[in-house]
N, C-alpha and C. Protein backbone atom coordinates (compact mmCIF):
# COMPACT_ATOMS: atom_id res chain seq x y z
N MET A 1 0.78 82.91 -3.11
CA MET A 1 1.71 83.59 -3.98
C MET A 1 3.04 82.83 -3.93
N GLN A 2 3.48 82.33 -5.06
CA GLN A 2 4.67 81.49 -5.11
C GLN A 2 5.97 82.29 -5.08
N THR A 3 6.01 83.38 -5.82
CA THR A 3 7.23 84.20 -5.84
C THR A 3 6.84 85.66 -5.70
N MET A 4 7.78 86.42 -5.17
CA MET A 4 7.60 87.86 -5.07
C MET A 4 8.97 88.49 -4.97
N ASN A 5 9.15 89.61 -5.69
CA ASN A 5 10.38 90.38 -5.61
C ASN A 5 10.03 91.77 -5.10
N LEU A 6 10.65 92.14 -3.99
CA LEU A 6 10.46 93.47 -3.42
C LEU A 6 11.76 94.26 -3.57
N LEU A 7 11.61 95.54 -3.77
CA LEU A 7 12.75 96.45 -3.79
C LEU A 7 12.57 97.42 -2.63
N PHE A 8 13.55 97.45 -1.74
CA PHE A 8 13.59 98.46 -0.68
C PHE A 8 14.53 99.55 -1.16
N LEU A 9 14.01 100.75 -1.19
CA LEU A 9 14.71 101.85 -1.83
C LEU A 9 14.91 103.03 -0.89
N CYS A 10 16.11 103.56 -0.86
CA CYS A 10 16.37 104.85 -0.22
C CYS A 10 17.47 105.53 -1.01
N THR A 11 17.93 106.62 -0.53
CA THR A 11 18.91 107.38 -1.30
C THR A 11 20.27 106.70 -1.36
N GLY A 12 20.86 106.41 -0.21
CA GLY A 12 22.24 105.93 -0.18
C GLY A 12 22.44 104.44 -0.24
N ASN A 13 21.41 103.64 0.04
CA ASN A 13 21.50 102.19 0.06
C ASN A 13 22.70 101.71 0.88
N SER A 14 22.79 102.24 2.10
CA SER A 14 23.87 101.80 2.98
C SER A 14 23.36 101.35 4.34
N CYS A 15 22.13 101.71 4.70
CA CYS A 15 21.66 101.44 6.05
C CYS A 15 20.22 100.91 6.05
N ARG A 16 19.22 101.78 5.98
CA ARG A 16 17.82 101.36 6.13
C ARG A 16 17.36 100.38 5.05
N SER A 17 17.67 100.64 3.81
CA SER A 17 17.22 99.73 2.75
C SER A 17 17.95 98.40 2.84
N VAL A 18 19.20 98.41 3.25
CA VAL A 18 19.95 97.16 3.41
C VAL A 18 19.42 96.38 4.62
N LEU A 19 19.12 97.08 5.73
CA LEU A 19 18.49 96.41 6.86
C LEU A 19 17.20 95.74 6.40
N SER A 20 16.41 96.45 5.62
CA SER A 20 15.13 95.92 5.13
C SER A 20 15.34 94.69 4.25
N GLU A 21 16.27 94.78 3.32
CA GLU A 21 16.57 93.66 2.43
C GLU A 21 16.97 92.42 3.24
N ALA A 22 17.88 92.60 4.16
CA ALA A 22 18.40 91.47 4.93
C ALA A 22 17.33 90.86 5.83
N ILE A 23 16.56 91.70 6.52
CA ILE A 23 15.50 91.20 7.41
C ILE A 23 14.45 90.46 6.59
N PHE A 24 14.02 91.05 5.48
CA PHE A 24 13.01 90.40 4.64
C PHE A 24 13.51 89.04 4.17
N ASN A 25 14.72 89.00 3.63
CA ASN A 25 15.23 87.73 3.11
C ASN A 25 15.41 86.69 4.21
N HIS A 26 15.67 87.13 5.42
CA HIS A 26 15.82 86.24 6.56
C HIS A 26 14.47 85.62 6.96
N LEU A 27 13.39 86.40 6.84
CA LEU A 27 12.07 85.96 7.31
C LEU A 27 11.16 85.41 6.22
N ALA A 28 11.40 85.74 4.99
CA ALA A 28 10.48 85.43 3.90
C ALA A 28 10.48 83.95 3.52
N PRO A 29 9.36 83.49 2.99
CA PRO A 29 9.30 82.09 2.52
C PRO A 29 10.15 81.90 1.25
N ALA A 30 10.43 80.65 0.96
CA ALA A 30 11.19 80.32 -0.25
C ALA A 30 10.50 80.90 -1.47
N GLY A 31 11.28 81.42 -2.41
CA GLY A 31 10.75 81.99 -3.63
C GLY A 31 10.50 83.48 -3.55
N TRP A 32 10.56 84.03 -2.36
CA TRP A 32 10.38 85.48 -2.18
C TRP A 32 11.74 86.08 -1.93
N LYS A 33 11.98 87.24 -2.54
CA LYS A 33 13.30 87.85 -2.43
C LYS A 33 13.17 89.36 -2.38
N ALA A 34 13.96 89.93 -1.50
CA ALA A 34 14.08 91.38 -1.46
C ALA A 34 15.45 91.76 -1.99
N ILE A 35 15.47 92.91 -2.63
CA ILE A 35 16.72 93.54 -3.02
C ILE A 35 16.63 94.97 -2.52
N SER A 36 17.75 95.62 -2.44
CA SER A 36 17.75 97.01 -2.04
C SER A 36 18.61 97.79 -3.01
N ALA A 37 18.32 99.08 -3.09
CA ALA A 37 19.09 99.94 -3.99
C ALA A 37 18.91 101.38 -3.55
N GLY A 38 19.72 102.23 -4.14
CA GLY A 38 19.63 103.65 -3.84
C GLY A 38 19.66 104.47 -5.11
N SER A 39 19.09 105.64 -5.03
CA SER A 39 19.13 106.55 -6.17
C SER A 39 20.52 107.19 -6.28
N GLN A 40 21.20 107.31 -5.14
CA GLN A 40 22.58 107.84 -5.10
C GLN A 40 23.37 106.97 -4.12
N PRO A 41 23.71 105.74 -4.52
CA PRO A 41 24.31 104.80 -3.59
C PRO A 41 25.61 105.31 -2.97
N ALA A 42 25.76 105.01 -1.67
CA ALA A 42 26.94 105.44 -0.93
C ALA A 42 28.19 104.67 -1.34
N GLY A 43 28.00 103.49 -1.92
CA GLY A 43 29.15 102.71 -2.35
C GLY A 43 29.63 101.71 -1.32
N GLN A 44 29.13 101.82 -0.09
CA GLN A 44 29.49 100.84 0.94
C GLN A 44 28.36 100.76 1.96
N LEU A 45 28.27 99.62 2.60
CA LEU A 45 27.27 99.43 3.65
C LEU A 45 27.75 100.11 4.92
N HIS A 46 26.82 100.63 5.69
CA HIS A 46 27.19 101.26 6.95
C HIS A 46 27.66 100.16 7.90
N PRO A 47 28.85 100.30 8.48
CA PRO A 47 29.38 99.24 9.35
C PRO A 47 28.49 98.92 10.55
N ARG A 48 27.79 99.92 11.08
CA ARG A 48 26.89 99.66 12.22
C ARG A 48 25.68 98.82 11.79
N ALA A 49 25.19 99.04 10.58
CA ALA A 49 24.07 98.25 10.08
C ALA A 49 24.50 96.79 9.89
N VAL A 50 25.68 96.59 9.33
CA VAL A 50 26.20 95.24 9.13
C VAL A 50 26.41 94.55 10.48
N ALA A 51 27.01 95.24 11.43
CA ALA A 51 27.26 94.67 12.76
C ALA A 51 25.95 94.31 13.46
N LEU A 52 24.95 95.18 13.34
CA LEU A 52 23.65 94.92 13.96
C LEU A 52 23.02 93.66 13.38
N LEU A 53 23.01 93.54 12.07
CA LEU A 53 22.44 92.36 11.43
C LEU A 53 23.18 91.10 11.88
N GLN A 54 24.48 91.17 11.95
CA GLN A 54 25.25 90.00 12.38
C GLN A 54 24.93 89.63 13.82
N ARG A 55 24.75 90.62 14.70
CA ARG A 55 24.38 90.35 16.09
C ARG A 55 23.01 89.67 16.17
N LYS A 56 22.14 89.99 15.22
CA LYS A 56 20.79 89.42 15.20
C LYS A 56 20.76 88.06 14.50
N GLY A 57 21.91 87.60 14.02
CA GLY A 57 21.97 86.30 13.35
C GLY A 57 21.48 86.34 11.92
N ILE A 58 21.52 87.50 11.30
CA ILE A 58 21.04 87.67 9.92
C ILE A 58 22.25 87.86 9.01
N SER A 59 22.33 87.02 8.01
CA SER A 59 23.47 87.04 7.09
C SER A 59 23.52 88.35 6.29
N THR A 60 24.73 88.81 6.06
CA THR A 60 24.94 89.97 5.19
C THR A 60 25.76 89.59 3.96
N ASP A 61 25.96 88.29 3.77
CA ASP A 61 26.74 87.81 2.63
C ASP A 61 26.11 88.26 1.32
N GLY A 62 26.92 88.84 0.47
CA GLY A 62 26.47 89.24 -0.86
C GLY A 62 25.79 90.59 -0.93
N TYR A 63 25.57 91.24 0.21
CA TYR A 63 24.93 92.55 0.19
C TYR A 63 25.97 93.64 -0.06
N TYR A 64 25.57 94.62 -0.85
CA TYR A 64 26.44 95.75 -1.13
C TYR A 64 25.58 96.94 -1.52
N SER A 65 26.15 98.12 -1.46
CA SER A 65 25.43 99.34 -1.83
C SER A 65 25.39 99.43 -3.35
N LYS A 66 24.16 99.51 -3.90
CA LYS A 66 24.04 99.50 -5.36
C LYS A 66 22.99 100.50 -5.84
N SER A 67 23.11 100.82 -7.09
CA SER A 67 22.20 101.75 -7.74
C SER A 67 20.95 101.02 -8.22
N TRP A 68 19.85 101.73 -8.26
CA TRP A 68 18.62 101.16 -8.82
C TRP A 68 18.76 100.90 -10.31
N ASP A 69 19.83 101.39 -10.92
CA ASP A 69 20.10 101.11 -12.33
C ASP A 69 20.68 99.71 -12.53
N ASP A 70 21.09 99.05 -11.44
CA ASP A 70 21.78 97.76 -11.52
C ASP A 70 20.96 96.61 -10.92
N LEU A 71 19.66 96.66 -11.03
CA LEU A 71 18.82 95.64 -10.40
C LEU A 71 18.86 94.34 -11.20
N PRO A 72 19.03 93.20 -10.50
CA PRO A 72 19.07 91.92 -11.20
C PRO A 72 17.69 91.40 -11.62
N VAL A 73 16.62 91.91 -10.98
CA VAL A 73 15.25 91.51 -11.31
C VAL A 73 14.35 92.73 -11.27
N SER A 74 13.20 92.61 -11.89
CA SER A 74 12.20 93.67 -11.81
C SER A 74 11.28 93.38 -10.62
N PRO A 75 11.13 94.34 -9.72
CA PRO A 75 10.29 94.10 -8.54
C PRO A 75 8.81 94.23 -8.86
N GLU A 76 8.00 93.52 -8.05
CA GLU A 76 6.55 93.70 -8.10
C GLU A 76 6.13 94.84 -7.17
N VAL A 77 6.91 95.02 -6.11
CA VAL A 77 6.60 96.03 -5.10
C VAL A 77 7.87 96.82 -4.79
N VAL A 78 7.74 98.14 -4.70
CA VAL A 78 8.84 99.01 -4.29
C VAL A 78 8.42 99.72 -3.01
N ILE A 79 9.24 99.57 -1.98
CA ILE A 79 8.97 100.21 -0.70
C ILE A 79 10.10 101.18 -0.40
N THR A 80 9.74 102.46 -0.30
CA THR A 80 10.74 103.46 0.07
C THR A 80 10.82 103.53 1.59
N VAL A 81 12.04 103.66 2.10
CA VAL A 81 12.25 103.69 3.55
C VAL A 81 12.91 104.98 4.01
N CYS A 82 12.91 105.99 3.15
CA CYS A 82 13.49 107.29 3.52
C CYS A 82 12.65 107.93 4.62
N GLY A 83 13.30 108.66 5.50
CA GLY A 83 12.58 109.34 6.58
C GLY A 83 12.23 110.76 6.17
N SER A 84 10.97 110.99 5.86
CA SER A 84 10.56 112.30 5.34
C SER A 84 10.73 113.41 6.37
N ALA A 85 10.63 113.09 7.66
CA ALA A 85 10.76 114.13 8.67
C ALA A 85 12.17 114.70 8.72
N ALA A 86 13.13 113.96 8.19
CA ALA A 86 14.51 114.43 8.19
C ALA A 86 14.80 115.35 7.01
N GLY A 87 13.78 115.63 6.22
CA GLY A 87 13.96 116.51 5.07
C GLY A 87 14.62 115.81 3.90
N GLU A 88 14.65 114.49 3.92
CA GLU A 88 15.23 113.74 2.81
C GLU A 88 14.30 113.80 1.61
N THR A 89 14.89 113.78 0.46
CA THR A 89 14.10 113.62 -0.74
C THR A 89 14.03 112.13 -1.03
N CYS A 90 12.84 111.59 -1.03
CA CYS A 90 12.67 110.16 -1.27
C CYS A 90 12.68 109.93 -2.78
N PRO A 91 13.53 109.03 -3.24
CA PRO A 91 13.57 108.79 -4.69
C PRO A 91 12.28 108.13 -5.17
N ALA A 92 11.91 108.43 -6.38
CA ALA A 92 10.69 107.87 -6.97
C ALA A 92 11.07 106.88 -8.06
N TYR A 93 10.93 105.62 -7.76
CA TYR A 93 11.21 104.57 -8.74
C TYR A 93 10.16 104.65 -9.83
N LEU A 94 10.61 104.66 -11.07
CA LEU A 94 9.71 104.96 -12.17
C LEU A 94 9.14 103.75 -12.89
N GLY A 95 9.48 102.56 -12.47
CA GLY A 95 8.94 101.38 -13.13
C GLY A 95 7.46 101.19 -12.82
N PRO A 96 6.76 100.37 -13.62
CA PRO A 96 5.32 100.14 -13.41
C PRO A 96 5.09 99.11 -12.30
N VAL A 97 5.19 99.56 -11.06
CA VAL A 97 5.08 98.66 -9.91
C VAL A 97 4.20 99.28 -8.83
N LEU A 98 3.79 98.45 -7.89
CA LEU A 98 3.09 98.93 -6.72
C LEU A 98 4.12 99.59 -5.81
N ARG A 99 3.80 100.79 -5.33
CA ARG A 99 4.73 101.53 -4.47
C ARG A 99 4.08 101.81 -3.13
N ALA A 100 4.92 101.78 -2.07
CA ALA A 100 4.47 102.16 -0.73
C ALA A 100 5.63 102.85 -0.03
N HIS A 101 5.29 103.64 0.98
CA HIS A 101 6.32 104.34 1.75
C HIS A 101 6.28 103.87 3.19
N TRP A 102 7.43 103.37 3.67
CA TRP A 102 7.59 102.94 5.05
C TRP A 102 8.72 103.75 5.68
N GLY A 103 8.55 105.04 5.81
CA GLY A 103 9.61 105.93 6.28
C GLY A 103 10.21 105.53 7.61
N VAL A 104 11.53 105.54 7.65
CA VAL A 104 12.30 105.26 8.86
C VAL A 104 13.42 106.30 8.92
N GLU A 105 13.53 106.95 10.07
CA GLU A 105 14.60 107.94 10.21
C GLU A 105 15.96 107.25 10.10
N ASP A 106 16.91 107.94 9.52
CA ASP A 106 18.23 107.38 9.26
C ASP A 106 19.07 107.36 10.54
N PRO A 107 19.34 106.18 11.09
CA PRO A 107 20.13 106.14 12.32
C PRO A 107 21.57 106.56 12.12
N SER A 108 22.04 106.53 10.89
CA SER A 108 23.44 106.92 10.64
C SER A 108 23.64 108.43 10.80
N HIS A 109 22.55 109.18 10.89
CA HIS A 109 22.67 110.63 11.08
C HIS A 109 22.59 111.05 12.54
N VAL A 110 22.37 110.09 13.43
CA VAL A 110 22.25 110.40 14.85
C VAL A 110 23.62 110.78 15.40
N VAL A 111 23.64 111.88 16.14
CA VAL A 111 24.85 112.33 16.81
C VAL A 111 24.60 112.22 18.30
N GLY A 112 25.54 111.64 19.01
CA GLY A 112 25.38 111.50 20.44
C GLY A 112 26.37 110.52 21.00
N THR A 113 26.02 109.97 22.15
CA THR A 113 26.88 108.98 22.78
C THR A 113 26.80 107.67 22.01
N GLU A 114 27.72 106.79 22.31
CA GLU A 114 27.71 105.46 21.70
C GLU A 114 26.37 104.76 21.97
N GLU A 115 25.86 104.91 23.18
CA GLU A 115 24.58 104.29 23.55
C GLU A 115 23.42 104.88 22.75
N GLU A 116 23.43 106.19 22.55
CA GLU A 116 22.35 106.85 21.79
C GLU A 116 22.37 106.43 20.33
N ILE A 117 23.56 106.31 19.76
CA ILE A 117 23.68 105.89 18.37
C ILE A 117 23.25 104.43 18.22
N ALA A 118 23.71 103.58 19.13
CA ALA A 118 23.31 102.17 19.10
C ALA A 118 21.79 102.04 19.25
N ALA A 119 21.20 102.85 20.12
CA ALA A 119 19.75 102.81 20.32
C ALA A 119 19.01 103.23 19.05
N ALA A 120 19.54 104.20 18.31
CA ALA A 120 18.91 104.63 17.06
C ALA A 120 18.92 103.52 16.02
N PHE A 121 20.03 102.79 15.94
CA PHE A 121 20.10 101.66 15.00
C PHE A 121 19.14 100.55 15.43
N GLU A 122 19.07 100.28 16.72
CA GLU A 122 18.15 99.25 17.23
C GLU A 122 16.70 99.65 16.95
N ARG A 123 16.37 100.93 17.14
CA ARG A 123 15.02 101.43 16.87
C ARG A 123 14.66 101.23 15.40
N ALA A 124 15.58 101.61 14.51
CA ALA A 124 15.33 101.44 13.07
C ALA A 124 15.12 99.96 12.74
N TYR A 125 15.96 99.11 13.29
CA TYR A 125 15.83 97.66 13.07
C TYR A 125 14.46 97.17 13.52
N GLN A 126 14.04 97.55 14.71
CA GLN A 126 12.77 97.09 15.25
C GLN A 126 11.58 97.57 14.42
N ILE A 127 11.62 98.82 13.98
CA ILE A 127 10.54 99.36 13.14
C ILE A 127 10.45 98.57 11.84
N ILE A 128 11.59 98.38 11.20
CA ILE A 128 11.62 97.65 9.93
C ILE A 128 11.14 96.22 10.12
N ARG A 129 11.64 95.56 11.15
CA ARG A 129 11.24 94.16 11.38
C ARG A 129 9.74 94.05 11.66
N THR A 130 9.20 94.96 12.47
CA THR A 130 7.77 94.95 12.75
C THR A 130 6.96 95.08 11.46
N ARG A 131 7.38 95.96 10.59
CA ARG A 131 6.66 96.18 9.33
C ARG A 131 6.77 94.98 8.40
N ILE A 132 7.95 94.39 8.32
CA ILE A 132 8.12 93.22 7.46
C ILE A 132 7.30 92.04 8.00
N GLU A 133 7.32 91.85 9.31
CA GLU A 133 6.51 90.77 9.89
C GLU A 133 5.02 91.00 9.61
N ALA A 134 4.57 92.25 9.69
CA ALA A 134 3.17 92.56 9.38
C ALA A 134 2.86 92.27 7.91
N PHE A 135 3.77 92.62 7.03
CA PHE A 135 3.58 92.34 5.61
C PHE A 135 3.48 90.83 5.37
N LEU A 136 4.40 90.08 5.95
CA LEU A 136 4.41 88.63 5.75
C LEU A 136 3.20 87.94 6.36
N ALA A 137 2.55 88.60 7.33
CA ALA A 137 1.36 88.04 7.97
C ALA A 137 0.07 88.35 7.20
N LEU A 138 0.16 89.22 6.19
CA LEU A 138 -1.04 89.55 5.41
C LEU A 138 -1.55 88.32 4.67
N PRO A 139 -2.88 88.25 4.52
CA PRO A 139 -3.42 87.20 3.63
C PRO A 139 -2.91 87.45 2.20
N ALA A 140 -2.72 86.40 1.45
CA ALA A 140 -2.16 86.51 0.09
C ALA A 140 -2.89 87.53 -0.77
N ASP A 141 -4.21 87.62 -0.62
CA ASP A 141 -4.98 88.53 -1.47
C ASP A 141 -4.81 90.01 -1.06
N ARG A 142 -4.11 90.29 0.03
CA ARG A 142 -3.90 91.69 0.46
C ARG A 142 -2.46 92.14 0.27
N MET A 143 -1.57 91.24 -0.11
CA MET A 143 -0.15 91.59 -0.21
C MET A 143 0.14 92.61 -1.30
N LEU A 144 -0.71 92.69 -2.29
CA LEU A 144 -0.51 93.68 -3.35
C LEU A 144 -1.57 94.77 -3.27
N ASP A 145 -2.07 95.01 -2.07
CA ASP A 145 -3.07 96.04 -1.81
C ASP A 145 -2.35 97.29 -1.29
N LYS A 146 -2.41 98.36 -2.07
CA LYS A 146 -1.67 99.57 -1.71
C LYS A 146 -2.08 100.10 -0.34
N GLN A 147 -3.36 100.07 -0.05
CA GLN A 147 -3.84 100.57 1.24
C GLN A 147 -3.25 99.76 2.40
N ALA A 148 -3.19 98.45 2.24
CA ALA A 148 -2.61 97.60 3.29
C ALA A 148 -1.12 97.90 3.45
N LEU A 149 -0.42 98.07 2.33
CA LEU A 149 1.02 98.36 2.40
C LEU A 149 1.28 99.72 3.04
N GLU A 150 0.48 100.71 2.70
CA GLU A 150 0.66 102.04 3.29
C GLU A 150 0.36 102.00 4.79
N HIS A 151 -0.66 101.23 5.20
CA HIS A 151 -0.96 101.10 6.63
C HIS A 151 0.24 100.50 7.38
N ILE A 152 0.85 99.48 6.80
CA ILE A 152 2.02 98.86 7.45
C ILE A 152 3.11 99.90 7.68
N GLY A 153 3.23 100.85 6.77
CA GLY A 153 4.23 101.91 6.90
C GLY A 153 4.00 102.84 8.08
N THR A 154 2.86 102.71 8.74
CA THR A 154 2.58 103.53 9.94
C THR A 154 2.88 102.78 11.23
N LEU A 155 3.18 101.49 11.14
CA LEU A 155 3.43 100.69 12.33
C LEU A 155 4.79 101.03 12.94
N GLY A 156 4.88 100.89 14.24
CA GLY A 156 6.14 101.21 14.92
C GLY A 156 6.19 102.69 15.23
N ALA A 157 7.35 103.17 15.51
CA ALA A 157 7.52 104.59 15.85
C ALA A 157 7.20 105.46 14.67
N ALA A 158 6.61 106.60 14.94
CA ALA A 158 6.31 107.57 13.86
C ALA A 158 7.60 108.15 13.33
N CYS A 159 7.57 108.49 12.05
CA CYS A 159 8.76 109.11 11.46
C CYS A 159 8.47 110.54 11.07
């Protein structure tokens, strides 16, 4: 597969979907691109998400919180990363694309000590990275297989 455009989607597009976009773009082969968006964008990236990515050596240049109405390309695959256990309503992208759900609890909602909050962001990062690495390891003929994509959404900690 020479090119692929993925959309990572959540409600606010400030944390989980941006982590996903940045990690994917950091790991993906040339010609593959992830974008992220939200159904109700927060208007800014979560500072802890940006700091975490920078600590991991992943660029955040050019990333911003944006609406799914402002996409520069049409994706082939849309992956929602909303955490259903948190009672979030996961937005439903209406374009004719393959969809999968990779729910991740929102670390920005964690209340606790500095260490507990940092651990929640690290957990979200690790879950997302594990899933993206699993996706990138799929044989080319399975990358657009809904069952394979949904299975990847179960890897890592349960949501």
